Amino acid sequence: MRRMLFIAAMMLWIPRTALAMHIAEGYLPLKWALLWDLLALPFVILGLYSIRRLVDANPRLKMLLGFAGAFAFVLSALKLPSVTGSCSHPTGVGLGAIIFGPWVMSVLGMIVLIFQALLLAHGGITTLGANTFSMAVAGPIASYLVYRGINKLGGPKWLSVFLAASLGDLLTYVTTSLQLALAFPANPGGFSASFLKFMGIFAVTQVPLAISEGLLTVMVINLLTSYNEEMLTSLLMVPKEVRHER
């Protein structure tokens, strides 16, 4: 009974129009939309620079860059219903972050979000900075750090890939919850209460989705490795090598 009352309260408390991993067009107040634009911009600029250096070092990377972007586009376009009229979806950014590093995915992720906003009405242009920061900045950074950290500890490759993709997905939804809670603090309870409410809404479907994305990313990495193990092994180290060669 208490659980039913809690869910009913959440349905009345939190607006439905924003309950998606991509914050809807026009939903954020102007000051918050501009703030997230400014916070995302340096990472996008760094990503453009990183892509140029990678492509200059190896032009063959263009095809794999396109694949990483397409992977993120397809997965993040799969909106699945959640509780209280919200929706969740995988992000697909972990794959590119593992192979190229997080800065490249800030650009690829932003491009994905632009196409989804224009073609699928998923997200929006006014909320592009916020969505870019959560899915294309925070998520890839988490994936990259987890992947590199487990590798340094000597963990198995499949585990590092699985946890990198899964935790990158989860951090995206945590960041989105933070963004919405900052813009719409609960009354009473303020930011903390609102943050926990948004987190609770997403967690119902996002946790199993994160696990599924982790498993799928492991499968894709294995397929790419079987196709060209030597190239993929070298690509996984490209970001570090390129930084030191110029």
C-alpha atoms as a PDB file:
ATOM      1  CA  MET A   1       0.000   0.000   0.000  1.00  0.00           C
ATOM      2  CA  ARG A   2       2.761   2.438   0.892  1.00  0.00           C
ATOM      3  CA  ARG A   3       4.541   1.642  -2.364  1.00  0.00           C
ATOM      4  CA  MET A   4       1.396   2.409  -4.363  1.00  0.00           C
ATOM      5  CA  LEU A   5       0.953   5.712  -2.536  1.00  0.00           C
ATOM      6  CA  PHE A   6       4.606   6.578  -3.177  1.00  0.00           C
ATOM      7  CA  ILE A   7       4.246   5.942  -6.915  1.00  0.00           C
ATOM      8  CA  ALA A   8       1.021   7.943  -7.038  1.00  0.00           C
ATOM      9  CA  ALA A   9       2.744  10.848  -5.276  1.00  0.00           C
ATOM     10  CA  MET A  10       5.577  10.775  -7.800  1.00  0.00           C
ATOM     11  CA  MET A  11       3.072  10.906 -10.655  1.00  0.00           C
ATOM     12  CA  LEU A  12       1.603  14.099  -9.222  1.00  0.00           C
ATOM     13  CA  TRP A  13       4.888  15.635  -8.100  1.00  0.00           C
ATOM     14  CA  ILE A  14       7.103  15.480 -11.173  1.00  0.00           C
ATOM     15  CA  PRO A  15       6.103  16.846 -14.601  1.00  0.00           C
ATOM     16  CA  ARG A  16       5.856  14.138 -17.271  1.00  0.00           C
ATOM     17  CA  THR A  17       7.122  16.130 -20.201  1.00  0.00           C
ATOM     18  CA  ALA A  18      10.717  16.026 -19.016  1.00  0.00           C
ATOM     19  CA  LEU A  19      10.841  12.441 -17.818  1.00  0.00           C
ATOM     20  CA  ALA A  20      13.048  11.127 -20.568  1.00  0.00           C
ATOM     21  CA  MET A  21      16.779  10.621 -20.740  1.00  0.00           C
ATOM     22  CA  HIS A  22      16.764  13.471 -23.278  1.00  0.00           C
ATOM     23  CA  ILE A  23      15.253  16.559 -21.655  1.00  0.00           C
ATOM     24  CA  ALA A  24      12.418  17.829 -23.835  1.00  0.00           C
ATOM     25  CA  GLU A  25      12.556  20.930 -26.026  1.00  0.00           C
ATOM     26  CA  GLY A  26      11.858  24.137 -24.110  1.00  0.00           C
ATOM     27  CA  TYR A  27      11.507  22.400 -20.749  1.00  0.00           C
ATOM     28  CA  LEU A  28      14.503  23.888 -18.944  1.00  0.00           C
ATOM     29  CA  PRO A  29      14.374  27.526 -17.807  1.00  0.00           C
ATOM     30  CA  LEU A  30      16.566  29.764 -19.959  1.00  0.00           C
ATOM     31  CA  LYS A  31      19.284  30.293 -17.335  1.00  0.00           C
ATOM     32  CA  TRP A  32      19.760  26.555 -16.872  1.00  0.00           C
ATOM     33  CA  ALA A  33      19.706  25.852 -20.601  1.00  0.00           C
ATOM     34  CA  LEU A  34      22.427  28.472 -21.176  1.00  0.00           C
ATOM     35  CA  LEU A  35      24.481  27.212 -18.239  1.00  0.00           C
ATOM     36  CA  TRP A  36      24.609  23.661 -19.620  1.00  0.00           C
ATOM     37  CA  ASP A  37      25.429  25.031 -23.078  1.00  0.00           C
ATOM     38  CA  LEU A  38      28.455  26.803 -21.608  1.00  0.00           C
ATOM     39  CA  LEU A  39      29.542  23.777 -19.578  1.00  0.00           C
ATOM     40  CA  ALA A  40      29.313  21.426 -22.573  1.00  0.00           C
ATOM     41  CA  LEU A  41      31.058  23.744 -25.032  1.00  0.00           C
ATOM     42  CA  PRO A  42      34.695  23.239 -23.852  1.00  0.00           C
ATOM     43  CA  PHE A  43      34.327  19.461 -24.116  1.00  0.00           C
ATOM     44  CA  VAL A  44      32.932  19.711 -27.656  1.00  0.00           C
ATOM     45  CA  ILE A  45      35.842  21.956 -28.693  1.00  0.00           C
ATOM     46  CA  LEU A  46      38.301  19.504 -27.141  1.00  0.00           C
ATOM     47  CA  GLY A  47      36.515  16.682 -28.962  1.00  0.00           C
ATOM     48  CA  LEU A  48      36.831  18.397 -32.332  1.00  0.00           C
ATOM     49  CA  TYR A  49      40.540  18.834 -31.721  1.00  0.00           C
ATOM     50  CA  SER A  50      40.898  15.192 -30.689  1.00  0.00           C
ATOM     51  CA  ILE A  51      39.059  13.947 -33.788  1.00  0.00           C
ATOM     52  CA  ARG A  52      41.275  16.012 -36.064  1.00  0.00           C
ATOM     53  CA  ARG A  53      44.411  14.590 -34.467  1.00  0.00           C
ATOM     54  CA  LEU A  54      43.109  11.032 -34.637  1.00  0.00           C
ATOM     55  CA  VAL A  55      42.103  11.290 -38.290  1.00  0.00           C
ATOM     56  CA  ASP A  56      45.405  12.961 -39.191  1.00  0.00           C
ATOM     57  CA  ALA A  57      47.254  10.106 -37.493  1.00  0.00           C
ATOM     58  CA  ASN A  58      45.152   7.425 -39.200  1.00  0.00           C
ATOM     59  CA  PRO A  59      42.558   8.356 -41.869  1.00  0.00           C
ATOM     60  CA  ARG A  60      41.131   4.822 -41.678  1.00  0.00           C
ATOM     61  CA  LEU A  61      39.559   5.785 -38.361  1.00  0.00           C
ATOM     62  CA  LYS A  62      36.802   7.703 -40.167  1.00  0.00           C
ATOM     63  CA  MET A  63      34.786   4.529 -40.758  1.00  0.00           C
ATOM     64  CA  LEU A  64      35.082   3.393 -37.162  1.00  0.00           C
ATOM     65  CA  LEU A  65      34.180   6.882 -35.938  1.00  0.00           C
ATOM     66  CA  GLY A  66      31.049   6.695 -38.056  1.00  0.00           C
ATOM     67  CA  PHE A  67      30.249   3.276 -36.624  1.00  0.00           C
ATOM     68  CA  ALA A  68      30.626   4.538 -33.050  1.00  0.00           C
ATOM     69  CA  GLY A  69      28.293   7.433 -33.819  1.00  0.00           C
ATOM     70  CA  ALA A  70      25.735   5.165 -35.498  1.00  0.00           C
ATOM     71  CA  PHE A  71      25.860   2.762 -32.543  1.00  0.00           C
ATOM     72  CA  ALA A  72      25.089   5.606 -30.141  1.00  0.00           C
ATOM     73  CA  PHE A  73      22.330   6.944 -32.413  1.00  0.00           C
ATOM     74  CA  VAL A  74      20.508   3.629 -32.691  1.00  0.00           C
ATOM     75  CA  LEU A  75      20.707   2.695 -29.013  1.00  0.00           C
ATOM     76  CA  SER A  76      19.810   6.126 -27.659  1.00  0.00           C
ATOM     77  CA  ALA A  77      16.835   6.339 -30.032  1.00  0.00           C
ATOM     78  CA  LEU A  78      15.261   3.226 -28.471  1.00  0.00           C
ATOM     79  CA  LYS A  79      12.897   4.882 -26.016  1.00  0.00           C
ATOM     80  CA  LEU A  80      11.329   2.364 -23.645  1.00  0.00           C
ATOM     81  CA  PRO A  81       8.372   3.213 -21.363  1.00  0.00           C
ATOM     82  CA  SER A  82       9.122   3.635 -17.677  1.00  0.00           C
ATOM     83  CA  VAL A  83       6.895   4.412 -14.697  1.00  0.00           C
ATOM     84  CA  THR A  84       4.719   7.547 -14.423  1.00  0.00           C
ATOM     85  CA  GLY A  85       4.728   8.127 -18.180  1.00  0.00           C
ATOM     86  CA  SER A  86       8.494   8.570 -18.411  1.00  0.00           C
ATOM     87  CA  CYS A  87      10.870   6.752 -20.739  1.00  0.00           C
ATOM     88  CA  SER A  88      14.407   5.406 -20.611  1.00  0.00           C
ATOM     89  CA  HIS A  89      16.885   4.243 -23.211  1.00  0.00           C
ATOM     90  CA  PRO A  90      20.453   2.994 -23.580  1.00  0.00           C
ATOM     91  CA  THR A  91      23.070   5.581 -24.505  1.00  0.00           C
ATOM     92  CA  GLY A  92      25.574   3.692 -26.669  1.00  0.00           C
ATOM     93  CA  VAL A  93      28.392   6.122 -25.839  1.00  0.00           C
ATOM     94  CA  GLY A  94      30.484   3.623 -23.904  1.00  0.00           C
ATOM     95  CA  LEU A  95      31.702   1.887 -27.052  1.00  0.00           C
ATOM     96  CA  GLY A  96      33.203   5.026 -28.578  1.00  0.00           C
ATOM     97  CA  ALA A  97      34.643   6.165 -25.246  1.00  0.00           C
ATOM     98  CA  ILE A  98      36.422   2.842 -24.819  1.00  0.00           C
ATOM     99  CA  ILE A  99      37.928   2.927 -28.307  1.00  0.00           C
ATOM    100  CA  PHE A 100      38.637   6.638 -28.843  1.00  0.00           C
ATOM    101  CA  GLY A 101      38.483   8.243 -25.420  1.00  0.00           C
ATOM    102  CA  PRO A 102      35.802  10.497 -23.910  1.00  0.00           C
ATOM    103  CA  TRP A 103      36.485  13.741 -25.806  1.00  0.00           C
ATOM    104  CA  VAL A 104      35.692  12.255 -29.212  1.00  0.00           C
ATOM    105  CA  MET A 105      32.314  11.092 -27.924  1.00  0.00           C
ATOM    106  CA  SER A 106      31.423  14.633 -26.837  1.00  0.00           C
ATOM    107  CA  VAL A 107      31.264  15.532 -30.534  1.00  0.00           C
ATOM    108  CA  LEU A 108      29.728  12.287 -31.785  1.00  0.00           C
ATOM    109  CA  GLY A 109      27.172  12.363 -28.984  1.00  0.00           C
ATOM    110  CA  MET A 110      26.208  15.958 -29.728  1.00  0.00           C
ATOM    111  CA  ILE A 111      25.745  15.117 -33.425  1.00  0.00           C
ATOM    112  CA  VAL A 112      23.546  12.174 -32.430  1.00  0.00           C
ATOM    113  CA  LEU A 113      21.450  14.442 -30.197  1.00  0.00           C
ATOM    114  CA  ILE A 114      21.034  17.043 -32.948  1.00  0.00           C
ATOM    115  CA  PHE A 115      19.778  14.451 -35.434  1.00  0.00           C
ATOM    116  CA  GLN A 116      17.418  12.945 -32.869  1.00  0.00           C
ATOM    117  CA  ALA A 117      16.027  16.373 -31.954  1.00  0.00           C
ATOM    118  CA  LEU A 118      15.446  17.322 -35.593  1.00  0.00           C
ATOM    119  CA  LEU A 119      14.316  13.963 -36.989  1.00  0.00           C
ATOM    120  CA  LEU A 120      12.737  12.151 -34.049  1.00  0.00           C
ATOM    121  CA  ALA A 121      11.579  15.009 -31.786  1.00  0.00           C
ATOM    122  CA  HIS A 122      13.689  13.331 -29.101  1.00  0.00           C
ATOM    123  CA  GLY A 123      15.265  15.982 -26.911  1.00  0.00           C
ATOM    124  CA  GLY A 124      15.545  19.494 -28.306  1.00  0.00           C
ATOM    125  CA  ILE A 125      17.768  22.305 -29.507  1.00  0.00           C
ATOM    126  CA  THR A 126      17.222  24.511 -26.463  1.00  0.00           C
ATOM    127  CA  THR A 127      18.173  21.597 -24.215  1.00  0.00           C
ATOM    128  CA  LEU A 128      21.016  20.399 -26.441  1.00  0.00           C
ATOM    129  CA  GLY A 129      23.710  21.587 -24.022  1.00  0.00           C
ATOM    130  CA  ALA A 130      22.120  19.790 -21.058  1.00  0.00           C
ATOM    131  CA  ASN A 131      21.594  16.577 -23.011  1.00  0.00           C
ATOM    132  CA  THR A 132      25.095  16.765 -24.460  1.00  0.00           C
ATOM    133  CA  PHE A 133      26.615  17.196 -21.016  1.00  0.00           C
ATOM    134  CA  SER A 134      24.765  14.214 -19.544  1.00  0.00           C
ATOM    135  CA  MET A 135      25.003  11.731 -22.424  1.00  0.00           C
ATOM    136  CA  ALA A 136      28.056  12.893 -24.383  1.00  0.00           C
ATOM    137  CA  VAL A 137      30.295  14.271 -21.612  1.00  0.00           C
ATOM    138  CA  ALA A 138      29.545  12.695 -18.224  1.00  0.00           C
ATOM    139  CA  GLY A 139      28.710   9.235 -19.563  1.00  0.00           C
ATOM    140  CA  PRO A 140      31.789   8.842 -21.805  1.00  0.00           C
ATOM    141  CA  ILE A 141      34.151  10.175 -19.113  1.00  0.00           C
ATOM    142  CA  ALA A 142      32.799   7.601 -16.667  1.00  0.00           C
ATOM    143  CA  SER A 143      33.099   4.809 -19.248  1.00  0.00           C
ATOM    144  CA  TYR A 144      36.667   5.743 -20.135  1.00  0.00           C
ATOM    145  CA  LEU A 145      37.855   6.017 -16.530  1.00  0.00           C
ATOM    146  CA  VAL A 146      36.248   2.718 -15.546  1.00  0.00           C
ATOM    147  CA  TYR A 147      37.702   0.936 -18.578  1.00  0.00           C
ATOM    148  CA  ARG A 148      41.224   2.248 -18.028  1.00  0.00           C
ATOM    149  CA  GLY A 149      41.047   1.720 -14.278  1.00  0.00           C
ATOM    150  CA  ILE A 150      40.069  -1.935 -14.473  1.00  0.00           C
ATOM    151  CA  ASN A 151      42.696  -2.544 -17.151  1.00  0.00           C
ATOM    152  CA  LYS A 152      45.392  -1.066 -14.910  1.00  0.00           C
ATOM    153  CA  LEU A 153      44.256  -3.354 -12.109  1.00  0.00           C
ATOM    154  CA  GLY A 154      44.698  -6.316 -14.429  1.00  0.00           C
ATOM    155  CA  GLY A 155      41.026  -7.167 -14.725  1.00  0.00           C
ATOM    156  CA  PRO A 156      39.715  -9.216 -17.659  1.00  0.00           C
ATOM    157  CA  LYS A 157      38.934  -7.268 -20.817  1.00  0.00           C
ATOM    158  CA  TRP A 158      35.286  -8.334 -20.966  1.00  0.00           C
ATOM    159  CA  LEU A 159      34.703  -7.097 -17.409  1.00  0.00           C
ATOM    160  CA  SER A 160      36.310  -3.720 -18.092  1.00  0.00           C
ATOM    161  CA  VAL A 161      34.153  -3.265 -21.209  1.00  0.00           C
ATOM    162  CA  PHE A 162      30.969  -4.401 -19.468  1.00  0.00           C
ATOM    163  CA  LEU A 163      31.394  -2.156 -16.434  1.00  0.00           C
ATOM    164  CA  ALA A 164      32.544   0.798 -18.531  1.00  0.00           C
ATOM    165  CA  ALA A 165      29.449   0.717 -20.748  1.00  0.00           C
ATOM    166  CA  SER A 166      27.042  -0.049 -17.887  1.00  0.00           C
ATOM    167  CA  LEU A 167      28.327   2.602 -15.481  1.00  0.00           C
ATOM    168  CA  GLY A 168      28.598   5.189 -18.259  1.00  0.00           C
ATOM    169  CA  ASP A 169      24.922   4.591 -18.985  1.00  0.00           C
ATOM    170  CA  LEU A 170      23.994   4.903 -15.315  1.00  0.00           C
ATOM    171  CA  LEU A 171      25.981   8.098 -14.807  1.00  0.00           C
ATOM    172  CA  THR A 172      24.109   9.649 -17.734  1.00  0.00           C
ATOM    173  CA  TYR A 173      20.786   9.123 -15.988  1.00  0.00           C
ATOM    174  CA  VAL A 174      22.240  10.351 -12.673  1.00  0.00           C
ATOM    175  CA  THR A 175      23.436  13.526 -14.418  1.00  0.00           C
ATOM    176  CA  THR A 176      20.033  14.044 -16.045  1.00  0.00           C
ATOM    177  CA  SER A 177      18.380  13.642 -12.649  1.00  0.00           C
ATOM    178  CA  LEU A 178      20.768  16.234 -11.222  1.00  0.00           C
ATOM    179  CA  GLN A 179      20.016  18.664 -14.042  1.00  0.00           C
ATOM    180  CA  LEU A 180      16.265  18.356 -13.550  1.00  0.00           C
ATOM    181  CA  ALA A 181      16.535  18.607  -9.765  1.00  0.00           C
ATOM    182  CA  LEU A 182      18.609  21.788 -10.007  1.00  0.00           C
ATOM    183  CA  ALA A 183      16.059  23.381 -12.329  1.00  0.00           C
ATOM    184  CA  PHE A 184      13.002  22.115 -10.445  1.00  0.00           C
ATOM    185  CA  PRO A 185      13.676  21.702  -6.702  1.00  0.00           C
ATOM    186  CA  ALA A 186      10.844  20.091  -4.794  1.00  0.00           C
ATOM    187  CA  ASN A 187       8.681  22.034  -2.378  1.00  0.00           C
ATOM    188  CA  PRO A 188       9.150  20.907   0.322  1.00  0.00           C
ATOM    189  CA  GLY A 189      12.493  19.136   0.266  1.00  0.00           C
ATOM    190  CA  GLY A 190      14.419  21.261  -2.212  1.00  0.00           C
ATOM    191  CA  PHE A 191      17.126  19.864  -4.469  1.00  0.00           C
ATOM    192  CA  SER A 192      17.771  16.653  -2.513  1.00  0.00           C
ATOM    193  CA  ALA A 193      14.161  15.511  -2.514  1.00  0.00           C
ATOM    194  CA  SER A 194      13.741  16.332  -6.198  1.00  0.00           C
ATOM    195  CA  PHE A 195      17.010  14.569  -7.107  1.00  0.00           C
ATOM    196  CA  LEU A 196      15.963  11.389  -5.290  1.00  0.00           C
ATOM    197  CA  LYS A 197      12.550  11.481  -6.941  1.00  0.00           C
ATOM    198  CA  PHE A 198      13.978  11.768 -10.438  1.00  0.00           C
ATOM    199  CA  MET A 199      16.562   9.069  -9.691  1.00  0.00           C
ATOM    200  CA  GLY A 200      13.831   6.751  -8.446  1.00  0.00           C
ATOM    201  CA  ILE A 201      11.785   7.332 -11.597  1.00  0.00           C
ATOM    202  CA  PHE A 202      14.629   6.423 -13.946  1.00  0.00           C
ATOM    203  CA  ALA A 203      16.150   3.586 -11.912  1.00  0.00           C
ATOM    204  CA  VAL A 204      13.211   1.228 -12.483  1.00  0.00           C
ATOM    205  CA  THR A 205      14.102   0.725 -16.137  1.00  0.00           C
ATOM    206  CA  GLN A 206      17.575   2.255 -16.448  1.00  0.00           C
ATOM    207  CA  VAL A 207      19.395  -0.289 -14.275  1.00  0.00           C
ATOM    208  CA  PRO A 208      18.398  -3.308 -16.412  1.00  0.00           C
ATOM    209  CA  LEU A 209      19.023  -1.227 -19.543  1.00  0.00           C
ATOM    210  CA  ALA A 210      22.532  -0.411 -18.337  1.00  0.00           C
ATOM    211  CA  ILE A 211      23.244  -4.097 -17.785  1.00  0.00           C
ATOM    212  CA  SER A 212      21.907  -4.920 -21.246  1.00  0.00           C
ATOM    213  CA  GLU A 213      24.011  -2.186 -22.829  1.00  0.00           C
ATOM    214  CA  GLY A 214      27.094  -3.513 -21.055  1.00  0.00           C
ATOM    215  CA  LEU A 215      26.518  -7.012 -22.425  1.00  0.00           C
ATOM    216  CA  LEU A 216      25.833  -5.689 -25.933  1.00  0.00           C
ATOM    217  CA  THR A 217      28.997  -3.577 -25.883  1.00  0.00           C
ATOM    218  CA  VAL A 218      31.050  -6.633 -24.909  1.00  0.00           C
ATOM    219  CA  MET A 219      29.568  -8.510 -27.879  1.00  0.00           C
ATOM    220  CA  VAL A 220      30.330  -5.650 -30.281  1.00  0.00           C
ATOM    221  CA  ILE A 221      33.921  -5.318 -29.029  1.00  0.00           C
ATOM    222  CA  ASN A 222      34.375  -9.069 -29.487  1.00  0.00           C
ATOM    223  CA  LEU A 223      32.992  -8.887 -33.037  1.00  0.00           C
ATOM    224  CA  LEU A 224      35.282  -5.988 -33.919  1.00  0.00           C
ATOM    225  CA  THR A 225      38.220  -7.864 -32.426  1.00  0.00           C
ATOM    226  CA  SER A 226      37.464 -10.994 -34.450  1.00  0.00           C
ATOM    227  CA  TYR A 227      37.203  -8.861 -37.590  1.00  0.00           C
ATOM    228  CA  ASN A 228      40.571  -7.162 -37.118  1.00  0.00           C
ATOM    229  CA  GLU A 229      42.200  -7.851 -33.765  1.00  0.00           C
ATOM    230  CA  GLU A 230      45.448  -6.040 -34.568  1.00  0.00           C
ATOM    231  CA  MET A 231      43.729  -2.822 -35.630  1.00  0.00           C
ATOM    232  CA  LEU A 232      41.315  -2.739 -32.712  1.00  0.00           C
ATOM    233  CA  THR A 233      44.069  -3.439 -30.194  1.00  0.00           C
ATOM    234  CA  SER A 234      46.036  -0.510 -31.550  1.00  0.00           C
ATOM    235  CA  LEU A 235      42.950   1.721 -31.660  1.00  0.00           C
ATOM    236  CA  LEU A 236      42.241   1.126 -27.987  1.00  0.00           C
ATOM    237  CA  MET A 237      45.560   2.855 -27.318  1.00  0.00           C
ATOM    238  CA  VAL A 238      45.260   5.598 -29.970  1.00  0.00           C
ATOM    239  CA  PRO A 239      44.290   8.461 -27.619  1.00  0.00           C
ATOM    240  CA  LYS A 240      47.389   7.977 -25.463  1.00  0.00           C
ATOM    241  CA  GLU A 241      49.765   7.461 -28.384  1.00  0.00           C
ATOM    242  CA  VAL A 242      48.509  10.473 -30.325  1.00  0.00           C
ATOM    243  CA  ARG A 243      48.877  12.768 -27.319  1.00  0.00           C
ATOM    244  CA  HIS A 244      52.539  11.906 -27.043  1.00  0.00           C
ATOM    245  CA  GLU A 245      53.530  11.842 -30.678  1.00  0.00           C
ATOM    246  CA  ARG A 246      52.825  15.537 -31.383  1.00  0.00           C
END
